[in-house]
Amino acid sequence: PSDFNEDGTAVDGVVLRLGNEEPGWAR
Protein backbone atom coordinates (compact mmCIF):
# COMPACT_ATOMS: atom_id res chain seq x y z
CA PRO A 1 0.00 0.00 0.00
CA SER A 2 2.88 2.41 0.65
CA ASP A 3 3.76 2.22 -3.06
CA PHE A 4 0.57 4.08 -4.04
CA ASN A 5 -0.92 7.50 -3.48
CA GLU A 6 -4.49 7.95 -2.25
CA ASP A 7 -5.72 8.29 -5.83
CA GLY A 8 -4.17 4.93 -6.77
CA THR A 9 -1.23 6.31 -8.73
CA ALA A 10 2.28 5.08 -7.97
CA VAL A 11 4.44 7.17 -5.68
CA ASP A 12 7.61 8.69 -7.12
CA GLY A 13 10.23 6.07 -7.90
CA VAL A 14 7.78 3.14 -8.07
CA VAL A 15 7.55 1.63 -11.56
CA LEU A 16 4.38 -0.14 -12.72
CA ARG A 17 4.31 -2.70 -15.48
CA LEU A 18 0.66 -2.60 -16.56
CA GLY A 19 -0.30 0.77 -15.15
CA ASN A 20 -3.31 -0.48 -13.14
CA GLU A 21 -1.49 -2.40 -10.43
CA GLU A 22 -2.77 -2.52 -6.87
CA PRO A 23 -1.28 -3.61 -3.53
CA GLY A 24 -0.49 -7.33 -3.67
CA TRP A 25 0.17 -7.48 -7.41
CA ALA A 26 3.41 -8.91 -8.78
CA ARG A 27 6.36 -6.52 -9.02
PDB file of all heavy atoms in Angstrom:
ATOM      1  N   PRO A   1       0.813  -1.225   0.000  1.00  0.00           N
ATOM      2  CA  PRO A   1       0.000   0.000   0.000  1.00  0.00           C
ATOM      3  C   PRO A   1       0.841   1.267   0.000  1.00  0.00           C
ATOM      4  O   PRO A   1       0.421   2.300  -0.575  1.00  0.00           O
ATOM      5  CB  PRO A   1      -0.827  -0.135   1.282  1.00  0.00           C
ATOM      6  CG  PRO A   1      -0.917  -1.613   1.509  1.00  0.00           C
ATOM      7  CD  PRO A   1       0.392  -2.169   1.041  1.00  0.00           C
ATOM      8  N   SER A   2       2.027   1.219   0.603  1.00  0.00           N
ATOM      9  CA  SER A   2       2.875   2.409   0.652  1.00  0.00           C
ATOM     10  C   SER A   2       3.437   2.803  -0.724  1.00  0.00           C
ATOM     11  O   SER A   2       4.005   3.881  -0.862  1.00  0.00           O
ATOM     12  CB  SER A   2       4.030   2.176   1.630  1.00  0.00           C
ATOM     13  OG  SER A   2       4.794   1.041   1.248  1.00  0.00           O
ATOM     14  N   ASP A   3       3.272   1.920  -1.711  1.00  0.00           N
ATOM     15  CA  ASP A   3       3.763   2.220  -3.061  1.00  0.00           C
ATOM     16  C   ASP A   3       2.784   3.071  -3.861  1.00  0.00           C
ATOM     17  O   ASP A   3       3.096   3.465  -4.997  1.00  0.00           O
ATOM     18  CB  ASP A   3       4.038   0.923  -3.831  1.00  0.00           C
ATOM     19  CG  ASP A   3       5.166   0.110  -3.217  1.00  0.00           C
ATOM     20  OD1 ASP A   3       6.149   0.731  -2.761  1.00  0.00           O
ATOM     21  OD2 ASP A   3       5.069  -1.133  -3.194  1.00  0.00           O
ATOM     22  N   PHE A   4       1.597   3.382  -3.290  1.00  0.00           N
ATOM     23  CA  PHE A   4       0.570   4.079  -4.038  1.00  0.00           C
ATOM     24  C   PHE A   4       0.090   5.309  -3.270  1.00  0.00           C
ATOM     25  O   PHE A   4       0.059   5.325  -2.039  1.00  0.00           O
ATOM     26  CB  PHE A   4      -0.629   3.157  -4.309  1.00  0.00           C
ATOM     27  CG  PHE A   4      -0.263   1.943  -5.132  1.00  0.00           C
ATOM     28  CD1 PHE A   4       0.131   0.765  -4.505  1.00  0.00           C
ATOM     29  CD2 PHE A   4      -0.305   1.984  -6.514  1.00  0.00           C
ATOM     30  CE1 PHE A   4       0.460  -0.346  -5.240  1.00  0.00           C
ATOM     31  CE2 PHE A   4       0.035   0.869  -7.264  1.00  0.00           C
ATOM     32  CZ  PHE A   4       0.424  -0.298  -6.638  1.00  0.00           C
ATOM     33  N   ASN A   5      -0.274   6.312  -4.042  1.00  0.00           N
ATOM     34  CA  ASN A   5      -0.921   7.503  -3.478  1.00  0.00           C
ATOM     35  C   ASN A   5      -2.389   7.201  -3.201  1.00  0.00           C
ATOM     36  O   ASN A   5      -2.918   6.146  -3.580  1.00  0.00           O
ATOM     37  CB  ASN A   5      -0.793   8.677  -4.440  1.00  0.00           C
ATOM     38  CG  ASN A   5       0.659   9.058  -4.697  1.00  0.00           C
ATOM     39  OD1 ASN A   5       1.434   9.252  -3.760  1.00  0.00           O
ATOM     40  ND2 ASN A   5       1.029   9.154  -5.975  1.00  0.00           N
ATOM     41  N   GLU A   6      -3.085   8.156  -2.579  1.00  0.00           N
ATOM     42  CA  GLU A   6      -4.489   7.945  -2.251  1.00  0.00           C
ATOM     43  C   GLU A   6      -5.352   7.791  -3.492  1.00  0.00           C
ATOM     44  O   GLU A   6      -6.380   7.116  -3.464  1.00  0.00           O
ATOM     45  CB  GLU A   6      -5.001   9.125  -1.399  1.00  0.00           C
ATOM     46  CG  GLU A   6      -4.392   9.182  -0.003  1.00  0.00           C
ATOM     47  CD  GLU A   6      -4.996  10.297   0.821  1.00  0.00           C
ATOM     48  OE1 GLU A   6      -5.890  11.010   0.281  1.00  0.00           O
ATOM     49  OE2 GLU A   6      -4.602  10.465   1.984  1.00  0.00           O
ATOM     50  N   ASP A   7      -4.939   8.425  -4.601  1.00  0.00           N
ATOM     51  CA  ASP A   7      -5.719   8.293  -5.832  1.00  0.00           C
ATOM     52  C   ASP A   7      -5.368   7.047  -6.640  1.00  0.00           C
ATOM     53  O   ASP A   7      -5.858   6.854  -7.761  1.00  0.00           O
ATOM     54  CB  ASP A   7      -5.543   9.529  -6.707  1.00  0.00           C
ATOM     55  CG  ASP A   7      -4.074   9.747  -7.110  1.00  0.00           C
ATOM     56  OD1 ASP A   7      -3.217   8.949  -6.694  1.00  0.00           O
ATOM     57  OD2 ASP A   7      -3.799  10.727  -7.844  1.00  0.00           O
ATOM     58  N   GLY A   8      -4.509   6.177  -6.098  1.00  0.00           N
ATOM     59  CA  GLY A   8      -4.168   4.927  -6.769  1.00  0.00           C
ATOM     60  C   GLY A   8      -2.968   4.991  -7.682  1.00  0.00           C
ATOM     61  O   GLY A   8      -2.530   3.962  -8.200  1.00  0.00           O
ATOM     62  N   THR A   9      -2.422   6.197  -7.897  1.00  0.00           N
ATOM     63  CA  THR A   9      -1.229   6.314  -8.726  1.00  0.00           C
ATOM     64  C   THR A   9       0.006   5.921  -7.919  1.00  0.00           C
ATOM     65  O   THR A   9       0.009   5.965  -6.685  1.00  0.00           O
ATOM     66  CB  THR A   9      -1.072   7.745  -9.252  1.00  0.00           C
ATOM     67  OG1 THR A   9      -0.969   8.642  -8.123  1.00  0.00           O
ATOM     68  CG2 THR A   9      -2.247   8.134 -10.121  1.00  0.00           C
ATOM     69  N   ALA A  10       1.049   5.517  -8.633  1.00  0.00           N
ATOM     70  CA  ALA A  10       2.275   5.085  -7.968  1.00  0.00           C
ATOM     71  C   ALA A  10       3.025   6.288  -7.419  1.00  0.00           C
ATOM     72  O   ALA A  10       3.048   7.365  -8.032  1.00  0.00           O
ATOM     73  CB  ALA A  10       3.157   4.314  -8.946  1.00  0.00           C
ATOM     74  N   VAL A  11       3.627   6.120  -6.253  1.00  0.00           N
ATOM     75  CA  VAL A  11       4.444   7.174  -5.682  1.00  0.00           C
ATOM     76  C   VAL A  11       5.708   7.329  -6.526  1.00  0.00           C
ATOM     77  O   VAL A  11       6.077   6.452  -7.318  1.00  0.00           O
ATOM     78  CB  VAL A  11       4.797   6.869  -4.212  1.00  0.00           C
ATOM     79  CG1 VAL A  11       3.539   6.703  -3.373  1.00  0.00           C
ATOM     80  CG2 VAL A  11       5.661   5.613  -4.113  1.00  0.00           C
ATOM     81  N   ASP A  12       6.387   8.439  -6.356  1.00  0.00           N
ATOM     82  CA  ASP A  12       7.608   8.691  -7.122  1.00  0.00           C
ATOM     83  C   ASP A  12       8.624   7.576  -6.885  1.00  0.00           C
ATOM     84  O   ASP A  12       8.882   7.164  -5.743  1.00  0.00           O
ATOM     85  CB  ASP A  12       8.208  10.036  -6.712  1.00  0.00           C
ATOM     86  CG  ASP A  12       7.340  11.215  -7.161  1.00  0.00           C
ATOM     87  OD1 ASP A  12       6.501  11.003  -8.059  1.00  0.00           O
ATOM     88  OD2 ASP A  12       7.491  12.308  -6.587  1.00  0.00           O
ATOM     89  N   GLY A  13       9.208   7.107  -7.987  1.00  0.00           N
ATOM     90  CA  GLY A  13      10.229   6.065  -7.903  1.00  0.00           C
ATOM     91  C   GLY A  13       9.698   4.657  -8.016  1.00  0.00           C
ATOM     92  O   GLY A  13      10.482   3.715  -8.163  1.00  0.00           O
ATOM     93  N   VAL A  14       8.387   4.462  -7.939  1.00  0.00           N
ATOM     94  CA  VAL A  14       7.785   3.139  -8.070  1.00  0.00           C
ATOM     95  C   VAL A  14       7.357   2.937  -9.526  1.00  0.00           C
ATOM     96  O   VAL A  14       6.620   3.754 -10.081  1.00  0.00           O
ATOM     97  CB  VAL A  14       6.579   2.967  -7.128  1.00  0.00           C
ATOM     98  CG1 VAL A  14       5.880   1.639  -7.384  1.00  0.00           C
ATOM     99  CG2 VAL A  14       7.035   3.056  -5.677  1.00  0.00           C
ATOM    100  N   VAL A  15       7.817   1.884 -10.142  1.00  0.00           N
ATOM    101  CA  VAL A  15       7.549   1.629 -11.558  1.00  0.00           C
ATOM    102  C   VAL A  15       6.482   0.546 -11.688  1.00  0.00           C
ATOM    103  O   VAL A  15       6.601  -0.529 -11.090  1.00  0.00           O
ATOM    104  CB  VAL A  15       8.836   1.194 -12.287  1.00  0.00           C
ATOM    105  CG1 VAL A  15       8.545   0.941 -13.761  1.00  0.00           C
ATOM    106  CG2 VAL A  15       9.918   2.249 -12.116  1.00  0.00           C
ATOM    107  N   LEU A  16       5.433   0.830 -12.449  1.00  0.00           N
ATOM    108  CA  LEU A  16       4.378  -0.136 -12.718  1.00  0.00           C
ATOM    109  C   LEU A  16       4.606  -0.785 -14.076  1.00  0.00           C
ATOM    110  O   LEU A  16       5.138  -0.160 -14.998  1.00  0.00           O
ATOM    111  CB  LEU A  16       3.013   0.552 -12.693  1.00  0.00           C
ATOM    112  CG  LEU A  16       2.641   1.316 -11.421  1.00  0.00           C
ATOM    113  CD1 LEU A  16       1.253   1.924 -11.556  1.00  0.00           C
ATOM    114  CD2 LEU A  16       2.708   0.421 -10.192  1.00  0.00           C
ATOM    115  N   ARG A  17       4.157  -2.015 -14.202  1.00  0.00           N
ATOM    116  CA  ARG A  17       4.307  -2.698 -15.480  1.00  0.00           C
ATOM    117  C   ARG A  17       3.081  -2.514 -16.358  1.00  0.00           C
ATOM    118  O   ARG A  17       3.190  -2.217 -17.544  1.00  0.00           O
ATOM    119  CB  ARG A  17       4.551  -4.193 -15.249  1.00  0.00           C
ATOM    120  CG  ARG A  17       4.644  -4.998 -16.539  1.00  0.00           C
ATOM    121  CD  ARG A  17       5.068  -6.434 -16.268  1.00  0.00           C
ATOM    122  NE  ARG A  17       5.131  -7.183 -17.512  1.00  0.00           N
ATOM    123  CZ  ARG A  17       4.140  -7.919 -17.998  1.00  0.00           C
ATOM    124  NH1 ARG A  17       3.003  -7.994 -17.324  1.00  0.00           N
ATOM    125  NH2 ARG A  17       4.265  -8.584 -19.129  1.00  0.00           N
ATOM    126  N   LEU A  18       1.889  -2.707 -15.782  1.00  0.00           N
ATOM    127  CA  LEU A  18       0.658  -2.605 -16.561  1.00  0.00           C
ATOM    128  C   LEU A  18       0.000  -1.249 -16.435  1.00  0.00           C
ATOM    129  O   LEU A  18      -0.777  -0.853 -17.297  1.00  0.00           O
ATOM    130  CB  LEU A  18      -0.327  -3.698 -16.121  1.00  0.00           C
ATOM    131  CG  LEU A  18       0.180  -5.145 -16.236  1.00  0.00           C
ATOM    132  CD1 LEU A  18      -0.866  -6.106 -15.698  1.00  0.00           C
ATOM    133  CD2 LEU A  18       0.532  -5.470 -17.669  1.00  0.00           C
ATOM    134  N   GLY A  19       0.288  -0.542 -15.352  1.00  0.00           N
ATOM    135  CA  GLY A  19      -0.305   0.770 -15.147  1.00  0.00           C
ATOM    136  C   GLY A  19      -1.501   0.765 -14.228  1.00  0.00           C
ATOM    137  O   GLY A  19      -1.892   1.814 -13.708  1.00  0.00           O
ATOM    138  N   ASN A  20      -2.129  -0.394 -14.013  1.00  0.00           N
ATOM    139  CA  ASN A  20      -3.308  -0.481 -13.140  1.00  0.00           C
ATOM    140  C   ASN A  20      -3.071  -1.376 -11.940  1.00  0.00           C
ATOM    141  O   ASN A  20      -4.006  -1.927 -11.359  1.00  0.00           O
ATOM    142  CB  ASN A  20      -4.514  -0.984 -13.934  1.00  0.00           C
ATOM    143  CG  ASN A  20      -4.282  -2.382 -14.488  1.00  0.00           C
ATOM    144  OD1 ASN A  20      -3.148  -2.811 -14.611  1.00  0.00           O
ATOM    145  ND2 ASN A  20      -5.368  -3.064 -14.848  1.00  0.00           N
ATOM    146  N   GLU A  21      -1.805  -1.548 -11.561  1.00  0.00           N
ATOM    147  CA  GLU A  21      -1.485  -2.399 -10.427  1.00  0.00           C
ATOM    148  C   GLU A  21      -2.107  -1.880  -9.132  1.00  0.00           C
ATOM    149  O   GLU A  21      -2.393  -0.685  -8.993  1.00  0.00           O
ATOM    150  CB  GLU A  21       0.034  -2.518 -10.254  1.00  0.00           C
ATOM    151  CG  GLU A  21       0.695  -3.522 -11.172  1.00  0.00           C
ATOM    152  CD  GLU A  21       1.064  -2.944 -12.532  1.00  0.00           C
ATOM    153  OE1 GLU A  21       0.559  -1.862 -12.895  1.00  0.00           O
ATOM    154  OE2 GLU A  21       1.855  -3.582 -13.232  1.00  0.00           O
ATOM    155  N   GLU A  22      -2.256  -2.818  -8.198  1.00  0.00           N
ATOM    156  CA  GLU A  22      -2.770  -2.519  -6.873  1.00  0.00           C
ATOM    157  C   GLU A  22      -1.892  -3.228  -5.852  1.00  0.00           C
ATOM    158  O   GLU A  22      -1.078  -4.079  -6.211  1.00  0.00           O
ATOM    159  CB  GLU A  22      -4.226  -2.996  -6.746  1.00  0.00           C
ATOM    160  CG  GLU A  22      -5.188  -2.332  -7.730  1.00  0.00           C
ATOM    161  CD  GLU A  22      -6.579  -2.934  -7.633  1.00  0.00           C
ATOM    162  OE1 GLU A  22      -6.795  -3.780  -6.733  1.00  0.00           O
ATOM    163  OE2 GLU A  22      -7.441  -2.561  -8.447  1.00  0.00           O
ATOM    164  N   PRO A  23      -2.052  -2.895  -4.552  1.00  0.00           N
ATOM    165  CA  PRO A  23      -1.285  -3.613  -3.532  1.00  0.00           C
ATOM    166  C   PRO A  23      -1.520  -5.124  -3.635  1.00  0.00           C
ATOM    167  O   PRO A  23      -2.645  -5.585  -3.802  1.00  0.00           O
ATOM    168  CB  PRO A  23      -1.836  -3.055  -2.224  1.00  0.00           C
ATOM    169  CG  PRO A  23      -2.278  -1.671  -2.577  1.00  0.00           C
ATOM    170  CD  PRO A  23      -2.826  -1.766  -3.967  1.00  0.00           C
ATOM    171  N   GLY A  24      -0.412  -5.883  -3.562  1.00  0.00           N
ATOM    172  CA  GLY A  24      -0.495  -7.333  -3.666  1.00  0.00           C
ATOM    173  C   GLY A  24      -0.214  -7.882  -5.041  1.00  0.00           C
ATOM    174  O   GLY A  24      -0.067  -9.092  -5.203  1.00  0.00           O
ATOM    175  N   TRP A  25      -0.121  -7.002  -6.058  1.00  0.00           N
ATOM    176  CA  TRP A  25       0.173  -7.481  -7.411  1.00  0.00           C
ATOM    177  C   TRP A  25       1.681  -7.727  -7.556  1.00  0.00           C
ATOM    178  O   TRP A  25       2.499  -7.187  -6.822  1.00  0.00           O
ATOM    179  CB  TRP A  25      -0.273  -6.449  -8.443  1.00  0.00           C
ATOM    180  CG  TRP A  25      -1.756  -6.479  -8.701  1.00  0.00           C
ATOM    181  CD1 TRP A  25      -2.735  -6.742  -7.796  1.00  0.00           C
ATOM    182  CD2 TRP A  25      -2.396  -6.215  -9.937  1.00  0.00           C
ATOM    183  NE1 TRP A  25      -3.961  -6.655  -8.387  1.00  0.00           N
ATOM    184  CE2 TRP A  25      -3.788  -6.330  -9.706  1.00  0.00           C
ATOM    185  CE3 TRP A  25      -1.951  -5.870 -11.199  1.00  0.00           C
ATOM    186  CZ2 TRP A  25      -4.725  -6.135 -10.713  1.00  0.00           C
ATOM    187  CZ3 TRP A  25      -2.885  -5.667 -12.203  1.00  0.00           C
ATOM    188  CH2 TRP A  25      -4.260  -5.807 -11.962  1.00  0.00           C
ATOM    189  N   ALA A  26       2.019  -8.558  -8.542  1.00  0.00           N
ATOM    190  CA  ALA A  26       3.413  -8.910  -8.784  1.00  0.00           C
ATOM    191  C   ALA A  26       4.229  -7.689  -9.199  1.00  0.00           C
ATOM    192  O   ALA A  26       3.758  -6.820  -9.934  1.00  0.00           O
ATOM    193  CB  ALA A  26       3.504  -9.990  -9.862  1.00  0.00           C
ATOM    194  N   ARG A  27       5.467  -7.657  -8.745  1.00  0.00           N
ATOM    195  CA  ARG A  27       6.359  -6.521  -9.015  1.00  0.00           C
ATOM    196  C   ARG A  27       7.663  -7.049  -9.634  1.00  0.00           C
ATOM    197  O   ARG A  27       8.139  -8.132  -9.264  1.00  0.00           O
ATOM    198  CB  ARG A  27       6.668  -5.788  -7.708  1.00  0.00           C
ATOM    199  CG  ARG A  27       7.496  -4.523  -7.859  1.00  0.00           C
ATOM    200  CD  ARG A  27       7.567  -3.799  -6.523  1.00  0.00           C
ATOM    201  NE  ARG A  27       8.229  -2.507  -6.634  1.00  0.00           N
ATOM    202  CZ  ARG A  27       8.258  -1.590  -5.675  1.00  0.00           C
ATOM    203  NH1 ARG A  27       7.652  -1.844  -4.515  1.00  0.00           N
ATOM    204  NH2 ARG A  27       8.855  -0.440  -5.854  1.00  0.00           N
TER     205      ARG A  27
END
